[in-house]
Amino acid sequence: MQIQYKPTRTLLQTILHVEILQGMALTLKRLFSKPITRQYPQEKPDVRLGFRGQHALVRDQASGGSKCVACMRCATVCPSRCIRIRYHEDEESGARVVDSYDIEALRCVYCGFCEEVCPVNALVMTEVFEYGAYDRQSIFFDQQRLLENWDRFTELKGGGMDNYVNPFWRPRGADEKTLTAAKRVKVPDDWTLEGQVVGKKFKTERSV
């Protein structure tokens, strides 16, 4: 590591306060330049696909409820332990039935692990980021509120969510052979294993 020390000021620079003048010159230069600060909330940011925002449970069009199968993968992988699921097994089919699905969003670190491991794409972190509140209970999402979050997200996207795909539903760089059937969905090329520019491919494209 190379350490570069600041040059010693001359007597004339000390008397004339050159550093202060340099700082004022920079201030005046920025004063008349175009502002780069977004005037929120008048100017909304451009939220891209895959943004990790408000949590939602995807509503199953057939049953009207959640797609969740209570596999417990999301609760297991969550580093902040903010997901709690209760379920029971159906006596006839033996399938798990979700009794409650709760997310304490204030504890969430928005890592996206939960939606990556979900085998049926039941959980999604939507592109909604405006959901502040003045009390903790408003940001505690139970199963009903998570479904309502999905409904609001659907309205925001203009409906037609049958073909909606979140990039986190197909983990970036994952081989399609290792994914469940529900996760073998079409995503942008750079999210696939073949589309990533790494290793020899990165060196080749960089040299072109």
N, C-alpha and C. Protein backbone atom coordinates (compact mmCIF):
# COMPACT_ATOMS: atom_id res chain seq x y z
N MET A 1 0.84 -1.20 0.00
CA MET A 1 0.00 0.00 0.00
C MET A 1 0.87 1.24 0.00
N GLN A 2 0.55 2.16 -0.87
CA GLN A 2 1.30 3.41 -0.98
C GLN A 2 0.55 4.53 -0.28
N ILE A 3 1.24 5.19 0.63
CA ILE A 3 0.65 6.31 1.38
C ILE A 3 1.11 7.62 0.77
N GLN A 4 0.16 8.43 0.39
CA GLN A 4 0.48 9.71 -0.22
C GLN A 4 0.11 10.83 0.74
N TYR A 5 1.11 11.55 1.19
CA TYR A 5 0.87 12.62 2.15
C TYR A 5 0.57 13.93 1.42
N LYS A 6 -0.15 14.78 2.09
CA LYS A 6 -0.51 16.07 1.53
C LYS A 6 0.73 16.97 1.47
N PRO A 7 0.94 17.65 0.32
CA PRO A 7 2.13 18.53 0.21
C PRO A 7 2.11 19.63 1.28
N THR A 8 3.28 19.97 1.74
CA THR A 8 3.40 21.02 2.75
C THR A 8 3.08 22.38 2.14
N ARG A 9 2.27 23.16 2.80
CA ARG A 9 1.90 24.48 2.30
C ARG A 9 3.05 25.46 2.44
N THR A 10 3.16 26.33 1.44
CA THR A 10 4.17 27.38 1.51
C THR A 10 3.65 28.52 2.38
N LEU A 11 4.52 29.46 2.69
CA LEU A 11 4.13 30.60 3.51
C LEU A 11 3.07 31.44 2.80
N LEU A 12 3.21 31.62 1.48
CA LEU A 12 2.25 32.41 0.73
C LEU A 12 0.87 31.73 0.72
N GLN A 13 0.85 30.40 0.57
CA GLN A 13 -0.42 29.67 0.58
C GLN A 13 -1.09 29.76 1.94
N THR A 14 -0.30 29.78 2.97
CA THR A 14 -0.86 29.90 4.32
C THR A 14 -1.47 31.28 4.54
N ILE A 15 -0.80 32.30 4.05
CA ILE A 15 -1.28 33.67 4.24
C ILE A 15 -2.55 33.92 3.43
N LEU A 16 -2.60 33.42 2.21
CA LEU A 16 -3.73 33.67 1.32
C LEU A 16 -4.89 32.68 1.51
N HIS A 17 -4.72 31.71 2.40
CA HIS A 17 -5.77 30.71 2.63
C HIS A 17 -6.22 30.06 1.31
N VAL A 18 -5.25 29.52 0.59
CA VAL A 18 -5.53 28.95 -0.72
C VAL A 18 -6.56 27.83 -0.66
N GLU A 19 -6.48 27.01 0.37
CA GLU A 19 -7.41 25.87 0.47
C GLU A 19 -8.85 26.34 0.62
N ILE A 20 -9.06 27.42 1.35
CA ILE A 20 -10.41 27.97 1.50
C ILE A 20 -10.91 28.49 0.16
N LEU A 21 -10.03 29.15 -0.58
CA LEU A 21 -10.41 29.67 -1.89
C LEU A 21 -10.75 28.52 -2.85
N GLN A 22 -10.00 27.44 -2.76
CA GLN A 22 -10.30 26.28 -3.61
C GLN A 22 -11.66 25.69 -3.27
N GLY A 23 -11.95 25.62 -1.99
CA GLY A 23 -13.26 25.11 -1.58
C GLY A 23 -14.39 26.00 -2.03
N MET A 24 -14.22 27.32 -1.93
CA MET A 24 -15.25 28.25 -2.37
C MET A 24 -15.44 28.19 -3.88
N ALA A 25 -14.35 27.96 -4.60
CA ALA A 25 -14.45 27.84 -6.06
C ALA A 25 -15.26 26.61 -6.44
N LEU A 26 -15.04 25.52 -5.72
CA LEU A 26 -15.82 24.32 -5.99
C LEU A 26 -17.30 24.54 -5.66
N THR A 27 -17.57 25.26 -4.57
CA THR A 27 -18.95 25.56 -4.20
C THR A 27 -19.65 26.39 -5.27
N LEU A 28 -18.98 27.42 -5.76
CA LEU A 28 -19.56 28.27 -6.81
C LEU A 28 -19.78 27.49 -8.10
N LYS A 29 -18.88 26.56 -8.38
CA LYS A 29 -19.01 25.76 -9.60
C LYS A 29 -20.26 24.89 -9.52
N ARG A 30 -20.50 24.28 -8.38
CA ARG A 30 -21.68 23.43 -8.21
C ARG A 30 -22.95 24.25 -8.08
N LEU A 31 -22.84 25.49 -7.64
CA LEU A 31 -24.01 26.34 -7.45
C LEU A 31 -24.75 26.57 -8.76
N PHE A 32 -24.02 26.68 -9.84
CA PHE A 32 -24.63 26.98 -11.14
C PHE A 32 -24.74 25.76 -12.05
N SER A 33 -24.43 24.58 -11.52
CA SER A 33 -24.56 23.36 -12.32
C SER A 33 -25.95 22.77 -12.14
N LYS A 34 -26.31 21.85 -13.00
CA LYS A 34 -27.63 21.24 -12.98
C LYS A 34 -27.79 20.37 -11.73
N PRO A 35 -28.87 20.52 -10.97
CA PRO A 35 -29.05 19.70 -9.76
C PRO A 35 -29.23 18.22 -10.11
N ILE A 36 -28.70 17.36 -9.27
CA ILE A 36 -28.79 15.92 -9.50
C ILE A 36 -29.68 15.25 -8.46
N THR A 37 -30.16 15.99 -7.49
CA THR A 37 -31.01 15.42 -6.45
C THR A 37 -32.43 15.26 -6.97
N ARG A 38 -32.99 14.06 -6.78
CA ARG A 38 -34.37 13.81 -7.19
C ARG A 38 -35.33 14.46 -6.19
N GLN A 39 -36.27 15.24 -6.69
CA GLN A 39 -37.23 15.95 -5.83
C GLN A 39 -38.38 15.03 -5.47
N TYR A 40 -38.10 14.11 -4.54
CA TYR A 40 -39.12 13.17 -4.09
C TYR A 40 -40.01 13.86 -3.06
N PRO A 41 -41.33 13.66 -3.06
CA PRO A 41 -42.09 12.66 -3.83
C PRO A 41 -42.64 13.15 -5.16
N GLN A 42 -42.33 14.39 -5.54
CA GLN A 42 -42.82 14.86 -6.84
C GLN A 42 -42.22 14.04 -7.98
N GLU A 43 -40.95 13.68 -7.85
CA GLU A 43 -40.28 12.88 -8.88
C GLU A 43 -40.09 11.47 -8.34
N LYS A 44 -40.76 10.52 -8.95
CA LYS A 44 -40.68 9.14 -8.51
C LYS A 44 -39.47 8.45 -9.15
N PRO A 45 -38.77 7.61 -8.40
CA PRO A 45 -37.64 6.88 -8.99
C PRO A 45 -38.12 5.79 -9.93
N ASP A 46 -37.26 5.40 -10.83
CA ASP A 46 -37.56 4.33 -11.77
C ASP A 46 -37.22 3.00 -11.10
N VAL A 47 -38.23 2.27 -10.66
CA VAL A 47 -38.02 1.01 -9.96
C VAL A 47 -37.94 -0.12 -10.97
N ARG A 48 -36.85 -0.83 -10.97
CA ARG A 48 -36.63 -1.87 -11.96
C ARG A 48 -37.11 -3.23 -11.48
N LEU A 49 -37.25 -4.13 -12.43
CA LEU A 49 -37.67 -5.49 -12.14
C LEU A 49 -36.65 -6.15 -11.22
N GLY A 50 -37.14 -6.79 -10.17
CA GLY A 50 -36.25 -7.43 -9.22
C GLY A 50 -35.96 -6.58 -8.00
N PHE A 51 -36.57 -5.40 -7.92
CA PHE A 51 -36.39 -4.55 -6.74
C PHE A 51 -36.97 -5.26 -5.52
N ARG A 52 -36.26 -5.21 -4.40
CA ARG A 52 -36.71 -5.90 -3.19
C ARG A 52 -37.47 -4.93 -2.30
N GLY A 53 -38.78 -4.89 -2.50
CA GLY A 53 -39.63 -3.97 -1.76
C GLY A 53 -40.60 -4.69 -0.85
N GLN A 54 -41.84 -4.25 -0.85
CA GLN A 54 -42.86 -4.78 0.06
C GLN A 54 -43.13 -6.26 -0.21
N HIS A 55 -43.27 -7.01 0.87
CA HIS A 55 -43.51 -8.44 0.77
C HIS A 55 -44.95 -8.72 0.34
N ALA A 56 -45.13 -9.82 -0.35
CA ALA A 56 -46.48 -10.23 -0.77
C ALA A 56 -46.50 -11.73 -1.00
N LEU A 57 -47.65 -12.31 -0.77
CA LEU A 57 -47.90 -13.71 -1.13
C LEU A 57 -48.69 -13.74 -2.42
N VAL A 58 -48.19 -14.47 -3.38
CA VAL A 58 -48.84 -14.54 -4.69
C VAL A 58 -50.17 -15.27 -4.54
N ARG A 59 -51.23 -14.66 -5.06
CA ARG A 59 -52.55 -15.27 -4.95
C ARG A 59 -52.75 -16.32 -6.04
N ASP A 60 -53.19 -17.48 -5.62
CA ASP A 60 -53.48 -18.57 -6.55
C ASP A 60 -54.80 -18.28 -7.24
N GLN A 61 -54.79 -18.24 -8.58
CA GLN A 61 -55.99 -17.90 -9.32
C GLN A 61 -57.09 -18.95 -9.16
N ALA A 62 -56.69 -20.20 -8.93
CA ALA A 62 -57.68 -21.28 -8.82
C ALA A 62 -58.39 -21.27 -7.48
N SER A 63 -57.61 -21.18 -6.40
CA SER A 63 -58.19 -21.27 -5.06
C SER A 63 -58.52 -19.91 -4.47
N GLY A 64 -57.87 -18.87 -4.95
CA GLY A 64 -58.07 -17.53 -4.39
C GLY A 64 -57.23 -17.26 -3.17
N GLY A 65 -56.54 -18.28 -2.69
CA GLY A 65 -55.65 -18.12 -1.54
C GLY A 65 -54.20 -18.04 -1.96
N SER A 66 -53.32 -18.37 -1.04
CA SER A 66 -51.89 -18.31 -1.31
C SER A 66 -51.42 -19.59 -2.00
N LYS A 67 -50.31 -19.47 -2.74
CA LYS A 67 -49.69 -20.62 -3.38
C LYS A 67 -48.80 -21.39 -2.41
N CYS A 68 -48.60 -20.87 -1.22
CA CYS A 68 -47.67 -21.45 -0.25
C CYS A 68 -48.04 -22.90 0.06
N VAL A 69 -47.02 -23.77 0.10
CA VAL A 69 -47.22 -25.18 0.42
C VAL A 69 -46.63 -25.53 1.78
N ALA A 70 -46.25 -24.54 2.54
CA ALA A 70 -45.72 -24.73 3.90
C ALA A 70 -44.51 -25.65 3.94
N CYS A 71 -43.60 -25.46 3.00
CA CYS A 71 -42.38 -26.27 3.00
C CYS A 71 -41.38 -25.79 4.05
N MET A 72 -41.58 -24.56 4.54
CA MET A 72 -40.77 -23.96 5.61
C MET A 72 -39.37 -23.54 5.15
N ARG A 73 -39.11 -23.56 3.86
CA ARG A 73 -37.78 -23.19 3.39
C ARG A 73 -37.48 -21.71 3.63
N CYS A 74 -38.49 -20.86 3.40
CA CYS A 74 -38.27 -19.42 3.58
C CYS A 74 -37.97 -19.09 5.04
N ALA A 75 -38.71 -19.70 5.95
CA ALA A 75 -38.50 -19.45 7.37
C ALA A 75 -37.15 -19.98 7.83
N THR A 76 -36.71 -21.07 7.21
CA THR A 76 -35.43 -21.68 7.58
C THR A 76 -34.25 -20.85 7.10
N VAL A 77 -34.34 -20.32 5.88
CA VAL A 77 -33.21 -19.61 5.30
C VAL A 77 -33.13 -18.16 5.74
N CYS A 78 -34.21 -17.62 6.30
CA CYS A 78 -34.26 -16.20 6.67
C CYS A 78 -33.21 -15.88 7.73
N PRO A 79 -32.25 -14.99 7.45
CA PRO A 79 -31.19 -14.68 8.42
C PRO A 79 -31.68 -13.86 9.61
N SER A 80 -32.76 -13.11 9.45
CA SER A 80 -33.27 -12.28 10.53
C SER A 80 -34.43 -12.93 11.29
N ARG A 81 -34.82 -14.14 10.87
CA ARG A 81 -35.89 -14.88 11.54
C ARG A 81 -37.17 -14.05 11.68
N CYS A 82 -37.57 -13.42 10.58
CA CYS A 82 -38.76 -12.56 10.62
C CYS A 82 -39.98 -13.25 10.04
N ILE A 83 -39.85 -14.50 9.60
CA ILE A 83 -40.97 -15.24 9.00
C ILE A 83 -41.43 -16.34 9.96
N ARG A 84 -42.72 -16.37 10.22
CA ARG A 84 -43.30 -17.42 11.08
C ARG A 84 -44.48 -18.06 10.35
N ILE A 85 -44.46 -19.38 10.28
CA ILE A 85 -45.49 -20.13 9.56
C ILE A 85 -46.07 -21.21 10.47
N ARG A 86 -47.38 -21.31 10.48
CA ARG A 86 -48.06 -22.41 11.17
C ARG A 86 -48.90 -23.16 10.15
N TYR A 87 -48.94 -24.49 10.27
CA TYR A 87 -49.67 -25.29 9.30
C TYR A 87 -50.19 -26.57 9.96
N HIS A 88 -51.08 -27.25 9.27
CA HIS A 88 -51.52 -28.58 9.67
C HIS A 88 -51.60 -29.45 8.44
N GLU A 89 -51.60 -30.75 8.63
CA GLU A 89 -51.66 -31.68 7.51
C GLU A 89 -53.10 -32.14 7.29
N ASP A 90 -53.50 -32.10 6.03
CA ASP A 90 -54.85 -32.54 5.68
C ASP A 90 -54.97 -34.05 5.88
N GLU A 91 -56.02 -34.47 6.54
CA GLU A 91 -56.18 -35.88 6.88
C GLU A 91 -56.36 -36.76 5.65
N GLU A 92 -57.00 -36.25 4.62
CA GLU A 92 -57.27 -37.06 3.43
C GLU A 92 -56.07 -37.11 2.49
N SER A 93 -55.56 -35.93 2.11
CA SER A 93 -54.48 -35.88 1.13
C SER A 93 -53.09 -35.94 1.76
N GLY A 94 -52.99 -35.55 3.02
CA GLY A 94 -51.69 -35.51 3.67
C GLY A 94 -50.89 -34.27 3.35
N ALA A 95 -51.46 -33.39 2.52
CA ALA A 95 -50.76 -32.16 2.15
C ALA A 95 -50.81 -31.15 3.29
N ARG A 96 -49.82 -30.30 3.34
CA ARG A 96 -49.76 -29.28 4.36
C ARG A 96 -50.68 -28.11 4.01
N VAL A 97 -51.40 -27.64 4.99
CA VAL A 97 -52.31 -26.51 4.80
C VAL A 97 -51.84 -25.38 5.72
N VAL A 98 -51.64 -24.21 5.16
CA VAL A 98 -51.12 -23.07 5.92
C VAL A 98 -52.21 -22.49 6.80
N ASP A 99 -51.95 -22.40 8.10
CA ASP A 99 -52.88 -21.77 9.03
C ASP A 99 -52.58 -20.29 9.19
N SER A 100 -51.30 -19.95 9.28
CA SER A 100 -50.90 -18.54 9.40
C SER A 100 -49.53 -18.35 8.78
N TYR A 101 -49.36 -17.20 8.17
CA TYR A 101 -48.08 -16.84 7.55
C TYR A 101 -47.81 -15.39 7.92
N ASP A 102 -46.81 -15.14 8.75
CA ASP A 102 -46.54 -13.80 9.27
C ASP A 102 -45.12 -13.37 8.92
N ILE A 103 -44.99 -12.11 8.54
CA ILE A 103 -43.68 -11.51 8.28
C ILE A 103 -43.58 -10.21 9.07
N GLU A 104 -42.58 -10.12 9.93
CA GLU A 104 -42.32 -8.89 10.66
C GLU A 104 -41.33 -8.07 9.84
N ALA A 105 -41.86 -7.20 8.99
CA ALA A 105 -41.05 -6.50 8.00
C ALA A 105 -39.99 -5.59 8.62
N LEU A 106 -40.20 -5.14 9.85
CA LEU A 106 -39.22 -4.27 10.48
C LEU A 106 -37.92 -5.01 10.79
N ARG A 107 -37.97 -6.31 10.88
CA ARG A 107 -36.78 -7.10 11.13
C ARG A 107 -36.12 -7.57 9.84
N CYS A 108 -36.83 -7.47 8.73
CA CYS A 108 -36.33 -7.97 7.45
C CYS A 108 -35.11 -7.17 6.98
N VAL A 109 -34.13 -7.88 6.41
CA VAL A 109 -32.94 -7.22 5.86
C VAL A 109 -33.00 -7.18 4.33
N TYR A 110 -34.11 -7.63 3.75
CA TYR A 110 -34.36 -7.55 2.31
C TYR A 110 -33.26 -8.23 1.49
N CYS A 111 -32.86 -9.40 1.96
CA CYS A 111 -31.84 -10.15 1.24
C CYS A 111 -32.41 -10.89 0.04
N GLY A 112 -33.71 -11.21 0.08
CA GLY A 112 -34.34 -11.91 -1.03
C GLY A 112 -34.17 -13.41 -1.00
N PHE A 113 -33.56 -13.95 0.07
CA PHE A 113 -33.35 -15.40 0.14
C PHE A 113 -34.68 -16.16 0.14
N CYS A 114 -35.69 -15.58 0.79
CA CYS A 114 -36.98 -16.27 0.93
C CYS A 114 -37.61 -16.55 -0.42
N GLU A 115 -37.61 -15.57 -1.31
CA GLU A 115 -38.23 -15.78 -2.61
C GLU A 115 -37.35 -16.62 -3.53
N GLU A 116 -36.05 -16.66 -3.25
CA GLU A 116 -35.16 -17.52 -4.04
C GLU A 116 -35.40 -18.99 -3.76
N VAL A 117 -35.60 -19.34 -2.49
CA VAL A 117 -35.72 -20.77 -2.13
C VAL A 117 -37.13 -21.30 -2.28
N CYS A 118 -38.13 -20.43 -2.42
CA CYS A 118 -39.51 -20.89 -2.52
C CYS A 118 -39.69 -21.75 -3.77
N PRO A 119 -40.07 -23.02 -3.63
CA PRO A 119 -40.15 -23.90 -4.80
C PRO A 119 -41.34 -23.65 -5.71
N VAL A 120 -42.34 -22.91 -5.22
CA VAL A 120 -43.55 -22.69 -6.02
C VAL A 120 -43.77 -21.21 -6.33
N ASN A 121 -42.79 -20.36 -6.05
CA ASN A 121 -42.89 -18.92 -6.31
C ASN A 121 -44.10 -18.30 -5.62
N ALA A 122 -44.30 -18.69 -4.35
CA ALA A 122 -45.45 -18.18 -3.61
C ALA A 122 -45.16 -16.84 -2.94
N LEU A 123 -43.89 -16.55 -2.71
CA LEU A 123 -43.51 -15.32 -2.02
C LEU A 123 -42.73 -14.42 -2.96
N VAL A 124 -42.99 -13.13 -2.87
CA VAL A 124 -42.29 -12.17 -3.72
C VAL A 124 -42.09 -10.87 -2.96
N MET A 125 -40.96 -10.25 -3.23
CA MET A 125 -40.71 -8.90 -2.72
C MET A 125 -40.99 -7.97 -3.89
N THR A 126 -42.09 -7.28 -3.81
CA THR A 126 -42.59 -6.49 -4.93
C THR A 126 -41.75 -5.24 -5.17
N GLU A 127 -42.11 -4.51 -6.21
CA GLU A 127 -41.43 -3.26 -6.54
C GLU A 127 -42.05 -2.07 -5.83
N VAL A 128 -42.86 -2.33 -4.80
CA VAL A 128 -43.49 -1.27 -4.01
C VAL A 128 -42.55 -0.89 -2.86
N PHE A 129 -42.18 0.37 -2.78
CA PHE A 129 -41.27 0.80 -1.71
C PHE A 129 -41.90 1.84 -0.80
N GLU A 130 -43.06 2.37 -1.16
CA GLU A 130 -43.71 3.39 -0.35
C GLU A 130 -44.74 2.75 0.58
N TYR A 131 -44.30 2.32 1.74
CA TYR A 131 -45.25 1.75 2.69
C TYR A 131 -44.81 2.04 4.13
N GLY A 132 -44.35 3.25 4.36
CA GLY A 132 -43.97 3.67 5.69
C GLY A 132 -45.19 3.80 6.60
N ALA A 133 -44.95 3.75 7.91
CA ALA A 133 -46.04 3.85 8.87
C ALA A 133 -45.50 4.43 10.17
N TYR A 134 -46.42 4.82 11.04
CA TYR A 134 -46.05 5.40 12.33
C TYR A 134 -46.20 4.42 13.48
N ASP A 135 -46.58 3.19 13.19
CA ASP A 135 -46.70 2.19 14.24
C ASP A 135 -46.20 0.85 13.71
N ARG A 136 -45.74 -0.01 14.62
CA ARG A 136 -45.15 -1.29 14.24
C ARG A 136 -46.17 -2.24 13.62
N GLN A 137 -47.39 -2.20 14.12
CA GLN A 137 -48.41 -3.14 13.67
C GLN A 137 -48.72 -2.98 12.19
N SER A 138 -48.57 -1.77 11.69
CA SER A 138 -48.88 -1.52 10.27
C SER A 138 -47.89 -2.21 9.34
N ILE A 139 -46.70 -2.51 9.85
CA ILE A 139 -45.67 -3.15 9.02
C ILE A 139 -45.48 -4.60 9.45
N PHE A 140 -46.43 -5.12 10.21
CA PHE A 140 -46.46 -6.55 10.52
C PHE A 140 -47.47 -7.19 9.58
N PHE A 141 -47.01 -8.03 8.67
CA PHE A 141 -47.86 -8.59 7.63
C PHE A 141 -48.28 -10.01 7.98
N ASP A 142 -49.57 -10.21 8.15
CA ASP A 142 -50.08 -11.58 8.28
C ASP A 142 -50.48 -12.08 6.89
N GLN A 143 -51.03 -13.29 6.82
CA GLN A 143 -51.33 -13.89 5.52
C GLN A 143 -52.32 -13.07 4.71
N GLN A 144 -53.34 -12.54 5.36
CA GLN A 144 -54.33 -11.74 4.65
C GLN A 144 -53.73 -10.46 4.09
N ARG A 145 -52.91 -9.80 4.90
CA ARG A 145 -52.29 -8.55 4.45
C ARG A 145 -51.28 -8.81 3.34
N LEU A 146 -50.60 -9.94 3.40
CA LEU A 146 -49.65 -10.28 2.35
C LEU A 146 -50.37 -10.52 1.02
N LEU A 147 -51.54 -11.13 1.09
CA LEU A 147 -52.34 -11.33 -0.12
C LEU A 147 -52.87 -10.00 -0.64
N GLU A 148 -53.26 -9.12 0.28
CA GLU A 148 -53.71 -7.78 -0.12
C GLU A 148 -52.58 -6.98 -0.74
N ASN A 149 -51.37 -7.16 -0.25
CA ASN A 149 -50.20 -6.51 -0.86
C ASN A 149 -50.04 -6.95 -2.31
N TRP A 150 -50.28 -8.24 -2.56
CA TRP A 150 -50.20 -8.75 -3.93
C TRP A 150 -51.29 -8.12 -4.80
N ASP A 151 -52.48 -7.99 -4.25
CA ASP A 151 -53.57 -7.37 -5.01
C ASP A 151 -53.25 -5.93 -5.37
N ARG A 152 -52.68 -5.19 -4.43
CA ARG A 152 -52.31 -3.80 -4.72
C ARG A 152 -51.18 -3.74 -5.75
N PHE A 153 -50.25 -4.66 -5.64
CA PHE A 153 -49.16 -4.70 -6.61
C PHE A 153 -49.70 -5.03 -8.00
N THR A 154 -50.70 -5.90 -8.04
CA THR A 154 -51.34 -6.25 -9.32
C THR A 154 -51.99 -5.02 -9.95
N GLU A 155 -52.67 -4.23 -9.14
CA GLU A 155 -53.29 -2.99 -9.64
C GLU A 155 -52.23 -2.02 -10.13
N LEU A 156 -51.12 -1.95 -9.39
CA LEU A 156 -50.04 -1.04 -9.77
C LEU A 156 -49.44 -1.43 -11.12
N LYS A 157 -49.36 -2.73 -11.38
CA LYS A 157 -48.79 -3.22 -12.64
C LYS A 157 -49.81 -3.22 -13.76
N GLY A 158 -51.07 -2.89 -13.44
CA GLY A 158 -52.10 -2.84 -14.46
C GLY A 158 -52.76 -4.18 -14.75
N GLY A 159 -52.67 -5.11 -13.80
CA GLY A 159 -53.31 -6.41 -14.00
C GLY A 159 -52.48 -7.31 -14.89
N GLY A 160 -53.10 -8.42 -15.28
CA GLY A 160 -52.40 -9.36 -16.16
C GLY A 160 -51.14 -9.93 -15.55
N MET A 161 -51.24 -10.42 -14.31
CA MET A 161 -50.06 -10.91 -13.60
C MET A 161 -49.80 -12.40 -13.85
N ASP A 162 -50.55 -13.01 -14.75
CA ASP A 162 -50.33 -14.43 -15.03
C ASP A 162 -48.94 -14.68 -15.60
N ASN A 163 -48.41 -13.70 -16.33
CA ASN A 163 -47.10 -13.86 -16.94
C ASN A 163 -46.00 -13.11 -16.18
N TYR A 164 -46.35 -12.60 -15.00
CA TYR A 164 -45.34 -11.87 -14.22
C TYR A 164 -44.27 -12.83 -13.70
N VAL A 165 -43.03 -12.43 -13.84
CA VAL A 165 -41.91 -13.23 -13.35
C VAL A 165 -40.95 -12.30 -12.62
N ASN A 166 -40.60 -12.68 -11.40
CA ASN A 166 -39.60 -11.92 -10.64
C ASN A 166 -38.26 -12.62 -10.80
N PRO A 167 -37.20 -11.89 -11.11
CA PRO A 167 -35.89 -12.53 -11.32
C PRO A 167 -35.42 -13.39 -10.16
N PHE A 168 -35.87 -13.07 -8.93
CA PHE A 168 -35.44 -13.86 -7.78
C PHE A 168 -36.11 -15.23 -7.74
N TRP A 169 -37.15 -15.42 -8.52
CA TRP A 169 -37.78 -16.73 -8.59
C TRP A 169 -36.86 -17.73 -9.28
N ARG A 170 -35.96 -17.22 -10.08
CA ARG A 170 -34.94 -18.08 -10.67
C ARG A 170 -33.58 -17.53 -10.24
N PRO A 171 -32.98 -18.12 -9.21
CA PRO A 171 -31.73 -17.58 -8.65
C PRO A 171 -30.68 -17.34 -9.72
N ARG A 172 -30.03 -16.22 -9.64
CA ARG A 172 -29.07 -15.82 -10.65
C ARG A 172 -27.91 -16.83 -10.74
N GLY A 173 -27.67 -17.29 -11.94
CA GLY A 173 -26.57 -18.22 -12.16
C GLY A 173 -26.90 -19.66 -11.86
N ALA A 174 -28.15 -19.97 -11.48
CA ALA A 174 -28.52 -21.34 -11.15
C ALA A 174 -28.74 -22.16 -12.42
N ASP A 175 -28.30 -23.39 -12.41
CA ASP A 175 -28.52 -24.29 -13.53
C ASP A 175 -29.99 -24.70 -13.54
N GLU A 176 -30.62 -24.63 -14.69
CA GLU A 176 -32.05 -24.94 -14.79
C GLU A 176 -32.37 -26.36 -14.34
N LYS A 177 -31.43 -27.27 -14.49
CA LYS A 177 -31.66 -28.66 -14.12
C LYS A 177 -31.85 -28.81 -12.61
N THR A 178 -31.32 -27.88 -11.84
CA THR A 178 -31.41 -27.98 -10.38
C THR A 178 -32.64 -27.29 -9.83
N LEU A 179 -33.44 -26.64 -10.67
CA LEU A 179 -34.60 -25.89 -10.23
C LEU A 179 -35.87 -26.72 -10.29
N THR A 180 -36.83 -26.36 -9.46
CA THR A 180 -38.14 -27.00 -9.51
C THR A 180 -38.86 -26.55 -10.78
N ALA A 181 -39.93 -27.26 -11.13
CA ALA A 181 -40.66 -26.94 -12.36
C ALA A 181 -41.21 -25.52 -12.34
N ALA A 182 -41.69 -25.07 -11.18
CA ALA A 182 -42.27 -23.74 -11.08
C ALA A 182 -41.24 -22.65 -11.26
N LYS A 183 -39.98 -22.95 -10.97
CA LYS A 183 -38.94 -21.92 -11.04
C LYS A 183 -38.24 -21.88 -12.39
N ARG A 184 -38.61 -22.76 -13.29
CA ARG A 184 -38.02 -22.74 -14.63
C ARG A 184 -38.81 -21.77 -15.50
N VAL A 185 -38.67 -20.52 -15.17
CA VAL A 185 -39.40 -19.46 -15.85
C VAL A 185 -38.44 -18.59 -16.64
N LYS A 186 -38.98 -17.86 -17.58
CA LYS A 186 -38.16 -17.00 -18.42
C LYS A 186 -37.76 -15.75 -17.66
N VAL A 187 -36.48 -15.46 -17.64
CA VAL A 187 -35.95 -14.29 -16.96
C VAL A 187 -34.96 -13.61 -17.91
N PRO A 188 -34.54 -12.38 -17.61
CA PRO A 188 -33.53 -11.73 -18.46
C PRO A 188 -32.29 -12.60 -18.62
N ASP A 189 -31.66 -12.50 -19.77
CA ASP A 189 -30.53 -13.38 -20.10
C ASP A 189 -29.39 -13.29 -19.09
N ASP A 190 -29.16 -12.08 -18.56
CA ASP A 190 -28.03 -11.94 -17.64
C ASP A 190 -28.30 -12.59 -16.28
N TRP A 191 -29.52 -13.07 -16.05
CA TRP A 191 -29.83 -13.77 -14.80
C TRP A 191 -29.66 -15.28 -14.95
N THR A 192 -29.43 -15.75 -16.17
CA THR A 192 -29.24 -17.17 -16.39
C THR A 192 -27.76 -17.52 -16.29
N LEU A 193 -27.48 -18.81 -16.13
CA LEU A 193 -26.10 -19.25 -16.03
C LEU A 193 -25.35 -18.99 -17.33
N GLU A 194 -26.06 -19.17 -18.45
CA GLU A 194 -25.41 -18.99 -19.75
C GLU A 194 -25.20 -17.51 -20.08
N GLY A 195 -26.06 -16.66 -19.54
CA GLY A 195 -26.00 -15.25 -19.90
C GLY A 195 -25.06 -14.42 -19.06
N GLN A 196 -24.54 -14.98 -17.98
CA GLN A 196 -23.65 -14.21 -17.11
C GLN A 196 -22.28 -14.04 -17.76
N VAL A 197 -21.75 -12.84 -17.63
CA VAL A 197 -20.44 -12.55 -18.21
C VAL A 197 -19.39 -12.74 -17.12
N VAL A 198 -18.89 -13.94 -17.02
CA VAL A 198 -17.88 -14.26 -15.99
C VAL A 198 -16.78 -15.10 -16.62
N GLY A 199 -15.67 -15.19 -15.92
CA GLY A 199 -14.56 -16.06 -16.33
C GLY A 199 -14.03 -15.73 -17.71
N LYS A 200 -13.87 -16.77 -18.54
CA LYS A 200 -13.30 -16.60 -19.88
C LYS A 200 -14.19 -15.71 -20.75
N LYS A 201 -15.50 -15.83 -20.56
CA LYS A 201 -16.43 -15.01 -21.35
C LYS A 201 -16.24 -13.53 -21.05
N PHE A 202 -16.01 -13.22 -19.76
CA PHE A 202 -15.78 -11.82 -19.37
C PHE A 202 -14.49 -11.30 -20.00
N LYS A 203 -13.44 -12.11 -19.94
CA LYS A 203 -12.16 -11.69 -20.52
C LYS A 203 -12.26 -11.51 -22.02
N THR A 204 -13.04 -12.38 -22.67
CA THR A 204 -13.19 -12.29 -24.13
C THR A 204 -13.93 -11.01 -24.52
N GLU A 205 -15.05 -10.72 -23.83
CA GLU A 205 -15.85 -9.54 -24.18
C GLU A 205 -15.11 -8.25 -23.82
N ARG A 206 -14.31 -8.29 -22.78
CA ARG A 206 -13.57 -7.10 -22.38
C ARG A 206 -12.45 -6.77 -23.37
N SER A 207 -11.89 -7.81 -23.99
CA SER A 207 -10.80 -7.60 -24.93
C SER A 207 -11.28 -7.17 -26.30
N VAL A 208 -12.59 -7.35 -26.57
CA VAL A 208 -13.14 -6.98 -27.88
C VAL A 208 -13.23 -5.48 -28.01
